[in-house]
Amino acid sequence: MSFEFDHATHAVPLGDGVYDTPIEDRWDINGNANGGYLLALVANAMREASGRAHPVSVSMHYLAPGPAGPARTHTEVVKSGKRLATVVASLRRDGKDLVRSIGTFGDIDATQGPQSLTLTPPELPAFNDCPTRPASGPAPLGLSSRLDMRLHPDDTGFARNEPNGRALVRGWFKFVDDRPVDTLALLLAADAFPPVMFNLFGMQGWVPTIEFTVHVRGVPAPGPIACVFESHAVQGGYWEEDGAMWDSNGQLVAMSRQLALAPLT
């Protein structure tokens, strides 16, 4: 495990579907583990339990904050078929569930079956022409210290207290230590960018995720992942964020949606 992400998501089997899965530090935002990191951490244990190669669809409900420390993932394989296996899991600490998850695991080949795609990759400057994630943005030296994030220049106004009024964030995702982005890492990428709501209303505080789902649509080719996230509904103290992720060959590799709390003003 020469890469940081592999160490941070390693699942040690303890028997009876239980895995030792400590929450590591510096994968956090303001002391609480990033939701995408928790999704990847638990999904890796679920993947081990399923005996399948890739996460296909994984959903997670967040029940309590997850600061760094010991934790165990309890898994149950509820169905194992020829093509797919379905697993439920909970991440626990001191007898308390921090998250609960359900996921489907199997093989992924984006070239199989009928093809129809109306989505297109985001228009982004080249990776080296995009600014790094602003140091004054919503993630201090925790999660951002692990990632080499590059945002579209038009989508960085929130960090200067100049939101552009568009619930949109586009950018590139890769690891600082150049770990390849595989299907497990896509679960982290789907929640690594600044909340799009910040470009609507400014940085108003913590916006905790209630529910988060990622659909993996392809195995990424080598290179940074191009990402786009947007919201269409901020209402009643909640907001949704939809994401799409593309590999260096222009192939759609993941889609996501999350529901989160919005600060009440």
Protein backbone atom coordinates (compact mmCIF):
# COMPACT_ATOMS: atom_id res chain seq x y z
CA MET A 1 0.00 0.00 0.00
CA SER A 2 2.36 2.68 -1.25
CA PHE A 3 -0.42 5.24 -1.81
CA GLU A 4 -2.14 7.28 0.90
CA PHE A 5 -5.68 6.48 -0.29
CA ASP A 6 -5.06 2.72 -0.24
CA HIS A 7 -3.81 2.92 3.34
CA ALA A 8 -6.72 5.15 4.39
CA THR A 9 -9.37 2.78 2.96
CA HIS A 10 -7.74 -0.53 3.90
CA ALA A 11 -10.19 -3.04 5.39
CA VAL A 12 -8.83 -5.76 7.68
CA PRO A 13 -11.23 -8.73 7.99
CA LEU A 14 -12.08 -9.70 11.57
CA GLY A 15 -14.59 -12.44 10.75
CA ASP A 16 -18.38 -12.68 10.46
CA GLY A 17 -18.48 -9.82 7.92
CA VAL A 18 -16.78 -7.33 10.23
CA TYR A 19 -13.77 -5.28 9.07
CA ASP A 20 -11.39 -3.04 10.94
CA THR A 21 -11.69 0.27 9.09
CA PRO A 22 -10.24 3.15 11.14
CA ILE A 23 -11.02 6.67 9.98
CA GLU A 24 -7.67 8.28 9.22
CA ASP A 25 -6.88 11.93 9.75
CA ARG A 26 -6.28 14.52 7.01
CA TRP A 27 -9.21 13.19 4.99
CA ASP A 28 -11.43 15.67 6.78
CA ILE A 29 -13.04 19.09 6.49
CA ASN A 30 -12.85 21.01 9.76
CA GLY A 31 -12.21 17.85 11.77
CA ASN A 32 -14.94 15.62 10.33
CA ALA A 33 -14.14 13.03 7.67
CA ASN A 34 -15.21 13.97 4.16
CA GLY A 35 -18.38 12.17 3.07
CA GLY A 36 -16.78 10.80 -0.09
CA TYR A 37 -13.89 9.40 1.92
CA LEU A 38 -16.31 7.64 4.29
CA LEU A 39 -18.20 6.28 1.28
CA ALA A 40 -14.98 4.88 -0.20
CA LEU A 41 -13.81 3.50 3.16
CA VAL A 42 -17.03 1.58 3.77
CA ALA A 43 -17.42 0.59 0.11
CA ASN A 44 -14.01 -1.03 0.11
CA ALA A 45 -15.06 -3.31 2.97
CA MET A 46 -18.34 -4.00 1.18
CA ARG A 47 -16.43 -4.81 -2.00
CA GLU A 48 -14.27 -7.27 -0.09
CA ALA A 49 -17.35 -8.90 1.38
CA SER A 50 -19.00 -9.14 -2.05
CA GLY A 51 -16.01 -10.74 -3.73
CA ARG A 52 -16.62 -8.57 -6.79
CA ALA A 53 -14.28 -6.17 -8.57
CA HIS A 54 -16.03 -2.80 -8.63
CA PRO A 55 -18.67 -0.70 -6.90
CA VAL A 56 -21.55 -0.24 -9.36
CA SER A 57 -23.96 1.78 -7.22
CA VAL A 58 -23.36 2.78 -3.60
CA SER A 59 -25.63 4.89 -1.38
CA MET A 60 -24.88 6.16 2.10
CA HIS A 61 -26.89 7.86 4.84
CA TYR A 62 -24.86 9.94 7.28
CA LEU A 63 -26.00 9.58 10.88
CA ALA A 64 -23.22 11.23 12.92
CA PRO A 65 -19.96 13.08 12.29
CA GLY A 66 -16.88 10.91 11.76
CA PRO A 67 -13.68 12.39 13.20
CA ALA A 68 -10.47 10.39 12.91
CA GLY A 69 -10.26 7.35 15.15
CA PRO A 70 -11.02 3.64 15.40
CA ALA A 71 -14.07 2.27 13.61
CA ARG A 72 -15.37 -1.01 12.25
CA THR A 73 -17.52 -1.76 9.22
CA HIS A 74 -20.18 -4.44 9.66
CA THR A 75 -21.28 -5.96 6.36
CA GLU A 76 -23.99 -8.35 5.20
CA VAL A 77 -24.22 -9.80 1.71
CA VAL A 78 -27.96 -9.81 1.06
CA LYS A 79 -27.79 -11.19 -2.49
CA SER A 80 -25.05 -12.70 -4.62
CA GLY A 81 -26.02 -13.45 -8.21
CA LYS A 82 -24.15 -14.33 -11.39
CA ARG A 83 -23.55 -10.70 -12.36
CA LEU A 84 -24.03 -8.58 -9.25
CA ALA A 85 -23.86 -8.78 -5.47
CA THR A 86 -25.69 -6.49 -3.05
CA VAL A 87 -24.25 -5.63 0.36
CA VAL A 88 -25.50 -3.58 3.30
CA ALA A 89 -23.10 -2.10 5.84
CA SER A 90 -22.73 0.19 8.82
CA LEU A 91 -19.64 2.00 10.07
CA ARG A 92 -19.60 1.84 13.87
CA ARG A 93 -17.66 3.35 16.75
CA ASP A 94 -18.33 2.62 20.41
CA GLY A 95 -21.52 0.80 19.47
CA LYS A 96 -22.88 3.78 17.52
CA ASP A 97 -23.59 3.83 13.79
CA LEU A 98 -21.87 6.72 12.03
CA VAL A 99 -23.21 5.80 8.58
CA ARG A 100 -25.31 3.15 6.92
CA SER A 101 -24.86 2.06 3.34
CA ILE A 102 -26.22 -0.23 0.64
CA GLY A 103 -24.29 -1.04 -2.49
CA THR A 104 -24.20 -3.21 -5.58
CA PHE A 105 -20.87 -4.61 -6.79
CA GLY A 106 -19.80 -6.38 -9.97
CA ASP A 107 -17.89 -6.04 -13.21
CA ILE A 108 -17.96 -2.84 -15.26
CA ASP A 109 -17.43 -2.51 -19.02
CA ALA A 110 -18.65 0.77 -20.51
CA THR A 111 -18.52 -0.67 -24.05
CA GLN A 112 -21.12 -3.35 -23.43
CA GLY A 113 -24.77 -3.10 -24.46
CA PRO A 114 -26.65 -0.40 -26.36
CA GLN A 115 -25.13 3.10 -26.27
CA SER A 116 -26.85 6.49 -25.89
CA LEU A 117 -25.30 9.47 -24.12
CA THR A 118 -26.50 13.06 -24.23
CA LEU A 119 -24.12 14.32 -21.53
CA THR A 120 -20.87 15.93 -22.62
CA PRO A 121 -17.65 16.52 -20.65
CA PRO A 122 -17.26 19.97 -19.07
CA GLU A 123 -15.34 22.61 -21.01
CA LEU A 124 -12.20 23.01 -18.92
CA PRO A 125 -8.83 24.63 -19.49
CA ALA A 126 -5.95 22.17 -19.46
CA PHE A 127 -5.09 20.76 -16.05
CA ASN A 128 -1.99 22.93 -15.63
CA ASP A 129 -3.91 26.04 -16.74
CA CYS A 130 -6.49 25.74 -13.95
CA PRO A 131 -5.78 27.25 -10.52
CA THR A 132 -5.35 24.94 -7.59
CA ARG A 133 -8.15 24.76 -5.06
CA PRO A 134 -8.08 28.13 -3.27
CA ALA A 135 -6.34 27.99 0.11
CA SER A 136 -9.11 30.20 1.51
CA GLY A 137 -11.82 27.84 0.26
CA PRO A 138 -14.00 25.54 2.36
CA ALA A 139 -11.42 22.78 2.89
CA PRO A 140 -8.44 23.56 5.16
CA LEU A 141 -5.30 21.44 5.22
CA GLY A 142 -7.10 18.17 5.68
CA LEU A 143 -8.63 16.64 2.60
CA SER A 144 -7.06 19.27 0.32
CA SER A 145 -3.58 18.21 1.41
CA ARG A 146 -4.18 14.78 -0.14
CA LEU A 147 -5.55 16.00 -3.48
CA ASP A 148 -4.33 18.04 -6.43
CA MET A 149 -7.58 19.79 -7.29
CA ARG A 150 -7.79 22.28 -10.15
CA LEU A 151 -10.92 24.42 -10.48
CA HIS A 152 -12.26 26.20 -13.53
CA PRO A 153 -11.22 29.87 -13.11
CA ASP A 154 -14.85 30.99 -13.49
CA ASP A 155 -15.92 28.84 -10.52
CA THR A 156 -13.56 30.14 -7.81
CA GLY A 157 -15.36 33.37 -6.85
CA PHE A 158 -16.74 31.91 -3.61
CA ALA A 159 -13.20 31.84 -2.16
CA ARG A 160 -12.92 35.62 -2.69
CA ASN A 161 -16.41 36.32 -1.32
CA GLU A 162 -17.49 36.93 -4.91
CA PRO A 163 -19.99 34.14 -5.70
CA ASN A 164 -20.95 34.22 -9.36
CA GLY A 165 -24.60 33.29 -8.83
CA ARG A 166 -24.33 29.92 -10.62
CA ALA A 167 -24.67 26.68 -8.67
CA LEU A 168 -21.85 25.16 -10.68
CA VAL A 169 -18.34 23.88 -9.96
CA ARG A 170 -16.07 22.34 -12.60
CA GLY A 171 -12.54 21.07 -12.28
CA TRP A 172 -9.93 18.34 -12.39
CA PHE A 173 -9.40 15.65 -9.74
CA LYS A 174 -6.21 13.72 -9.01
CA PHE A 175 -4.18 12.60 -6.00
CA VAL A 176 -1.10 14.51 -4.80
CA ASP A 177 0.89 11.25 -4.73
CA ASP A 178 -0.24 10.39 -8.30
CA ARG A 179 -2.25 7.35 -7.27
CA PRO A 180 -4.32 6.23 -10.28
CA VAL A 181 -8.00 7.11 -10.00
CA ASP A 182 -9.85 3.79 -10.02
CA THR A 183 -13.51 2.99 -9.44
CA LEU A 184 -13.14 3.19 -5.65
CA ALA A 185 -11.47 6.61 -5.87
CA LEU A 186 -14.39 7.89 -7.95
CA LEU A 187 -16.49 7.68 -4.78
CA LEU A 188 -14.14 10.19 -3.15
CA ALA A 189 -13.97 12.42 -6.24
CA ALA A 190 -17.75 12.74 -6.23
CA ASP A 191 -17.64 14.66 -2.93
CA ALA A 192 -14.21 16.31 -2.99
CA PHE A 193 -15.11 19.63 -4.64
CA PRO A 194 -16.46 22.74 -2.91
CA PRO A 195 -20.26 22.71 -2.53
CA VAL A 196 -21.86 24.36 -5.56
CA MET A 197 -24.15 26.29 -3.22
CA PHE A 198 -21.17 28.45 -2.25
CA ASN A 199 -21.24 29.98 -5.73
CA LEU A 200 -24.87 30.92 -5.18
CA PHE A 201 -24.87 32.32 -1.65
CA GLY A 202 -21.24 32.44 -0.54
CA MET A 203 -19.60 30.34 2.14
CA GLN A 204 -22.33 30.23 4.77
CA GLY A 205 -20.97 27.44 6.92
CA TRP A 206 -21.10 23.68 7.17
CA VAL A 207 -23.46 21.96 4.71
CA PRO A 208 -23.62 18.35 5.99
CA THR A 209 -24.67 15.58 3.64
CA ILE A 210 -27.81 13.61 4.47
CA GLU A 211 -27.71 11.05 1.66
CA PHE A 212 -25.16 10.43 -1.08
CA THR A 213 -25.27 8.06 -4.07
CA VAL A 214 -22.62 7.34 -6.69
CA HIS A 215 -23.16 5.29 -9.86
CA VAL A 216 -19.93 4.04 -11.44
CA ARG A 217 -20.32 3.88 -15.22
CA GLY A 218 -16.83 2.99 -16.41
CA VAL A 219 -13.30 2.07 -15.36
CA PRO A 220 -11.21 5.26 -15.70
CA ALA A 221 -8.30 5.54 -18.12
CA PRO A 222 -5.08 6.92 -16.61
CA GLY A 223 -4.97 10.66 -15.94
CA PRO A 224 -6.91 13.35 -14.08
CA ILE A 225 -10.70 13.13 -13.90
CA ALA A 226 -12.76 16.01 -15.32
CA CYS A 227 -15.70 16.77 -13.02
CA VAL A 228 -18.80 18.94 -13.12
CA PHE A 229 -21.24 19.50 -10.26
CA GLU A 230 -24.42 21.57 -10.26
CA SER A 231 -27.62 22.10 -8.31
CA HIS A 232 -31.13 22.73 -9.55
CA ALA A 233 -33.01 23.04 -6.27
CA VAL A 234 -32.17 24.85 -3.02
CA GLN A 235 -35.35 24.85 -1.01
CA GLY A 236 -36.70 24.38 2.49
CA GLY A 237 -33.29 24.15 4.15
CA TYR A 238 -32.06 21.42 1.79
CA TRP A 239 -30.19 21.34 -1.50
CA GLU A 240 -29.26 18.71 -4.03
CA GLU A 241 -26.06 18.40 -6.03
CA ASP A 242 -25.67 16.35 -9.21
CA GLY A 243 -22.26 15.34 -10.55
CA ALA A 244 -20.70 13.75 -13.62
CA MET A 245 -17.10 12.59 -13.97
CA TRP A 246 -15.10 11.90 -17.14
CA ASP A 247 -11.74 10.22 -17.72
CA SER A 248 -8.86 11.32 -19.95
CA ASN A 249 -10.42 9.54 -22.94
CA GLY A 250 -13.64 11.53 -22.58
CA GLN A 251 -15.55 8.53 -21.24
CA LEU A 252 -18.24 9.03 -18.61
CA VAL A 253 -17.02 7.10 -15.58
CA ALA A 254 -19.35 8.12 -12.73
CA MET A 255 -22.49 10.05 -11.83
CA SER A 256 -23.56 11.21 -8.38
CA ARG A 257 -26.32 12.88 -6.44
CA GLN A 258 -26.45 14.05 -2.86
CA LEU A 259 -28.95 15.75 -0.58
CA ALA A 260 -27.51 18.10 2.04
CA LEU A 261 -28.61 20.60 4.65
CA ALA A 262 -28.45 24.28 3.78
CA PRO A 263 -27.74 26.80 6.53
CA LEU A 264 -30.95 28.63 7.51
CA THR A 265 -30.53 32.40 7.37
